């Protein structure tokens, strides 16, 4: 990651197991809607809510993201979490990015379902104080649960959580893994280079 005078950037976090068009459409939508200079994809190494057995090896997930974003000059990838020891807490990642880009406004793109669990995240008030969240939702998503869950947060933190509709979020990594395991097609759910990598490496079988 290079500073390069960036004023507004977003972290796209997740396991990316595998990365698919839902992730990419959300990142591109956020770039345009929030006038971002850069979106940094940071594959999680050890998310607190998942066990190591549930995830594909980090280097596979990193290579898939590289193949998915290579043609977009506004996207970049960072192995920051993969190179850091311990669990992948979002607050640590955000603070590490802030050290590299001290003058930039930081956003964190994730799904609305993940934001529903935000109250259980480490140092949540500090997190909402140092970055803004973009909660990607499917069209027609009922925001009532989200609003109710977050209603206990102080108002100054609530203003740092924005929502954004993303049509392609009906695609899921879980479904793609199941399709590969069952020998069902995954074409057009994710970039062709990622699809090719999955089959070349024998992933998800």
Protein backbone atom coordinates (compact mmCIF):
# COMPACT_ATOMS: atom_id res chain seq x y z
CA UNK A 1 0.00 0.00 0.00
CA UNK A 2 1.27 3.45 -0.93
CA UNK A 3 0.00 6.75 0.45
CA UNK A 4 0.10 8.64 -2.89
CA UNK A 5 -1.92 11.61 -1.56
CA UNK A 6 -5.10 9.54 -1.19
CA UNK A 7 -7.95 11.46 0.47
CA UNK A 8 -10.73 8.86 0.66
CA UNK A 9 -10.23 5.12 0.67
CA UNK A 10 -12.13 2.01 1.64
CA UNK A 11 -11.07 -1.31 3.04
CA UNK A 12 -12.87 -4.27 1.51
CA UNK A 13 -12.53 -6.98 4.14
CA UNK A 14 -13.57 -10.61 4.02
CA UNK A 15 -12.30 -14.13 3.63
CA UNK A 16 -12.86 -14.02 -0.18
CA UNK A 17 -13.28 -17.78 -0.28
CA UNK A 18 -13.72 -17.30 -3.19
CA UNK A 19 -14.04 -13.67 -4.27
CA UNK A 20 -17.00 -13.20 -6.63
CA UNK A 21 -18.90 -10.54 -8.55
CA UNK A 22 -20.89 -9.55 -5.46
CA UNK A 23 -17.68 -8.35 -3.80
CA UNK A 24 -16.51 -6.57 -6.94
CA UNK A 25 -19.82 -4.84 -7.66
CA UNK A 26 -20.00 -3.67 -4.02
CA UNK A 27 -16.45 -2.28 -4.20
CA UNK A 28 -17.07 -0.48 -7.49
CA UNK A 29 -20.43 0.84 -6.29
CA UNK A 30 -18.85 2.20 -3.11
CA UNK A 31 -16.04 3.80 -5.11
CA UNK A 32 -18.53 5.74 -7.20
CA UNK A 33 -21.15 6.50 -4.54
CA UNK A 34 -18.67 7.68 -1.90
CA UNK A 35 -16.14 9.24 -4.29
CA UNK A 36 -13.31 6.96 -3.16
CA UNK A 37 -9.78 7.24 -4.51
CA UNK A 38 -8.92 3.63 -3.73
CA UNK A 39 -10.44 0.36 -2.51
CA UNK A 40 -8.01 -1.95 -0.73
CA UNK A 41 -8.96 -5.63 -0.64
CA UNK A 42 -7.57 -7.21 2.55
CA UNK A 43 -8.19 -10.98 2.83
CA UNK A 44 -8.72 -12.02 6.44
CA UNK A 45 -6.24 -14.47 7.90
CA UNK A 46 -7.91 -15.60 11.13
CA UNK A 47 -11.38 -14.05 11.59
CA UNK A 48 -12.51 -14.41 15.23
CA UNK A 49 -15.83 -15.97 14.16
CA UNK A 50 -14.39 -18.68 11.90
CA UNK A 51 -12.13 -21.64 12.54
CA UNK A 52 -9.04 -22.34 10.47
CA UNK A 53 -10.62 -25.55 9.14
CA UNK A 54 -13.44 -23.58 7.53
CA UNK A 55 -11.19 -21.57 5.24
CA UNK A 56 -9.05 -22.22 2.19
CA UNK A 57 -5.31 -21.55 2.62
CA UNK A 58 -4.49 -17.81 2.68
CA UNK A 59 -2.22 -17.88 -0.38
CA UNK A 60 -5.04 -19.34 -2.52
CA UNK A 61 -7.45 -16.62 -1.40
CA UNK A 62 -4.82 -13.94 -2.01
CA UNK A 63 -4.10 -15.22 -5.53
CA UNK A 64 -7.83 -15.30 -6.36
CA UNK A 65 -8.26 -11.67 -5.30
CA UNK A 66 -5.21 -10.67 -7.36
CA UNK A 67 -6.75 -12.28 -10.44
CA UNK A 68 -10.14 -10.70 -9.80
CA UNK A 69 -9.00 -7.07 -9.46
CA UNK A 70 -5.98 -6.81 -11.75
CA UNK A 71 -7.76 -4.76 -14.43
CA UNK A 72 -9.19 -2.07 -12.09
CA UNK A 73 -6.69 0.73 -11.41
CA UNK A 74 -8.71 1.90 -8.37
CA UNK A 75 -8.45 -1.48 -6.65
CA UNK A 76 -5.42 -2.89 -4.86
CA UNK A 77 -4.71 -5.84 -2.61
CA UNK A 78 -2.90 -5.99 0.71
CA UNK A 79 -1.63 -9.03 2.62
CA UNK A 80 -1.62 -6.97 5.81
CA UNK A 81 -3.78 -9.39 7.81
CA UNK A 82 -2.10 -12.48 6.36
CA UNK A 83 1.30 -11.19 7.49
CA UNK A 84 0.14 -10.25 11.00
CA UNK A 85 0.06 -12.77 13.83
CA UNK A 86 -3.06 -13.39 15.90
CA UNK A 87 -6.73 -12.99 15.11
CA UNK A 88 -7.84 -10.61 12.34
CA UNK A 89 -9.59 -7.86 14.29
CA UNK A 90 -10.99 -5.07 12.14
CA UNK A 91 -9.83 -2.34 14.53
CA UNK A 92 -6.21 -3.47 14.13
CA UNK A 93 -6.52 -3.48 10.36
CA UNK A 94 -8.13 -0.04 10.23
CA UNK A 95 -5.47 1.43 12.50
CA UNK A 96 -2.69 -0.10 10.38
CA UNK A 97 -4.19 1.47 7.23
CA UNK A 98 -4.54 4.82 9.02
CA UNK A 99 -0.82 4.76 9.80
CA UNK A 100 -0.07 4.46 6.08
CA UNK A 101 -2.74 7.01 5.06
CA UNK A 102 -2.91 9.42 8.04
CA UNK A 103 -4.68 12.17 6.07
CA UNK A 104 -7.31 9.94 4.44
CA UNK A 105 -10.93 9.35 5.41
CA UNK A 106 -11.29 5.59 5.93
CA UNK A 107 -14.35 3.54 5.01
CA UNK A 108 -14.95 -0.16 5.63
CA UNK A 109 -17.16 -2.05 3.17
CA UNK A 110 -18.99 -5.10 4.44
CA UNK A 111 -22.39 -6.79 4.21
CA UNK A 112 -25.38 -5.58 6.19
CA UNK A 113 -25.55 -9.00 7.89
CA UNK A 114 -22.02 -8.48 9.22
CA UNK A 115 -22.93 -5.01 10.48
CA UNK A 116 -25.77 -6.61 12.47
CA UNK A 117 -23.03 -8.26 14.55
CA UNK A 118 -20.94 -5.10 14.91
CA UNK A 119 -21.76 -4.71 18.61
CA UNK A 120 -19.79 -7.91 19.26
CA UNK A 121 -16.68 -6.63 17.44
CA UNK A 122 -13.54 -5.66 19.33
CA UNK A 123 -13.39 -2.00 20.42
CA UNK A 124 -16.53 -1.17 18.43
CA UNK A 125 -16.85 2.45 19.65
CA UNK A 126 -13.23 3.21 18.80
CA UNK A 127 -13.77 1.55 15.41
CA UNK A 128 -16.82 3.68 14.61
CA UNK A 129 -14.90 6.76 15.69
CA UNK A 130 -12.01 6.22 13.26
CA UNK A 131 -13.79 4.93 10.17
CA UNK A 132 -17.14 4.91 8.43
CA UNK A 133 -18.97 1.71 7.53
CA UNK A 134 -20.64 1.03 4.20
CA UNK A 135 -23.20 -1.72 4.74
CA UNK A 136 -23.90 -3.37 1.38
CA UNK A 137 -27.45 -4.70 1.07
CA UNK A 138 -29.49 -6.53 -1.51
CA UNK A 139 -32.27 -4.51 -3.20
CA UNK A 140 -35.38 -4.72 -1.02
CA UNK A 141 -33.37 -5.69 2.09
CA UNK A 142 -35.35 -4.93 5.26
CA UNK A 143 -33.26 -2.41 7.17
CA UNK A 144 -35.49 -2.63 10.27
CA UNK A 145 -33.31 -5.26 11.97
CA UNK A 146 -30.21 -3.21 11.28
CA UNK A 147 -31.73 -0.03 12.66
CA UNK A 148 -33.07 -1.83 15.74
CA UNK A 149 -29.76 -3.57 16.49
CA UNK A 150 -27.75 -0.38 16.20
CA UNK A 151 -30.24 1.85 18.03
CA UNK A 152 -28.32 1.48 21.31
CA UNK A 153 -25.23 3.12 19.79
CA UNK A 154 -24.61 6.83 20.48
CA UNK A 155 -25.87 9.08 17.69
CA UNK A 156 -22.38 10.23 16.72
CA UNK A 157 -21.50 6.63 15.82
CA UNK A 158 -24.72 5.87 13.98
CA UNK A 159 -23.98 8.61 11.45
CA UNK A 160 -20.84 6.68 10.49
CA UNK A 161 -22.85 3.70 9.19
CA UNK A 162 -24.18 4.11 5.64
CA UNK A 163 -26.11 1.62 3.51
CA UNK A 164 -25.78 0.89 -0.20
CA UNK A 165 -27.82 -1.41 -2.42
CA UNK A 166 -25.86 -3.97 -4.46
CA UNK A 167 -27.83 -6.14 -6.94
CA UNK A 168 -25.12 -8.82 -7.23
CA UNK A 169 -25.14 -9.64 -3.51
CA UNK A 170 -27.43 -12.60 -4.18
CA UNK A 171 -24.19 -14.40 -5.15
CA UNK A 172 -22.43 -16.03 -2.20
CA UNK A 173 -19.07 -17.70 -1.63
CA UNK A 174 -20.83 -20.49 0.30
CA UNK A 175 -23.02 -21.30 -2.71
CA UNK A 176 -20.02 -21.23 -5.08
CA UNK A 177 -18.09 -23.70 -2.88
CA UNK A 178 -21.13 -25.99 -2.75
CA UNK A 179 -21.57 -25.81 -6.51
CA UNK A 180 -17.95 -26.81 -7.12
CA UNK A 181 -18.28 -29.70 -4.66
CA UNK A 182 -21.45 -30.88 -6.46
CA UNK A 183 -20.02 -30.40 -9.97
CA UNK A 184 -22.53 -27.63 -10.75
CA UNK A 185 -21.60 -24.59 -12.86
CA UNK A 186 -20.11 -21.44 -11.36
CA UNK A 187 -19.50 -19.60 -14.63
CA UNK A 188 -20.68 -15.95 -14.61
CA UNK A 189 -20.80 -15.89 -10.78
CA UNK A 190 -17.15 -14.80 -10.53
CA UNK A 191 -14.36 -13.63 -12.85
CA UNK A 192 -13.15 -16.18 -15.39
CA UNK A 193 -9.57 -16.03 -14.07
CA UNK A 194 -10.81 -16.92 -10.58
CA UNK A 195 -12.95 -19.75 -11.93
CA UNK A 196 -9.94 -21.11 -13.82
CA UNK A 197 -7.75 -20.88 -10.70
CA UNK A 198 -10.30 -22.83 -8.62
CA UNK A 199 -10.32 -25.72 -11.09
CA UNK A 200 -6.58 -25.66 -11.74
CA UNK A 201 -5.85 -25.85 -8.01
CA UNK A 202 -8.63 -28.33 -7.26
CA UNK A 203 -10.25 -26.10 -4.64
CA UNK A 204 -13.57 -26.88 -2.92
CA UNK A 205 -13.71 -30.50 -4.05
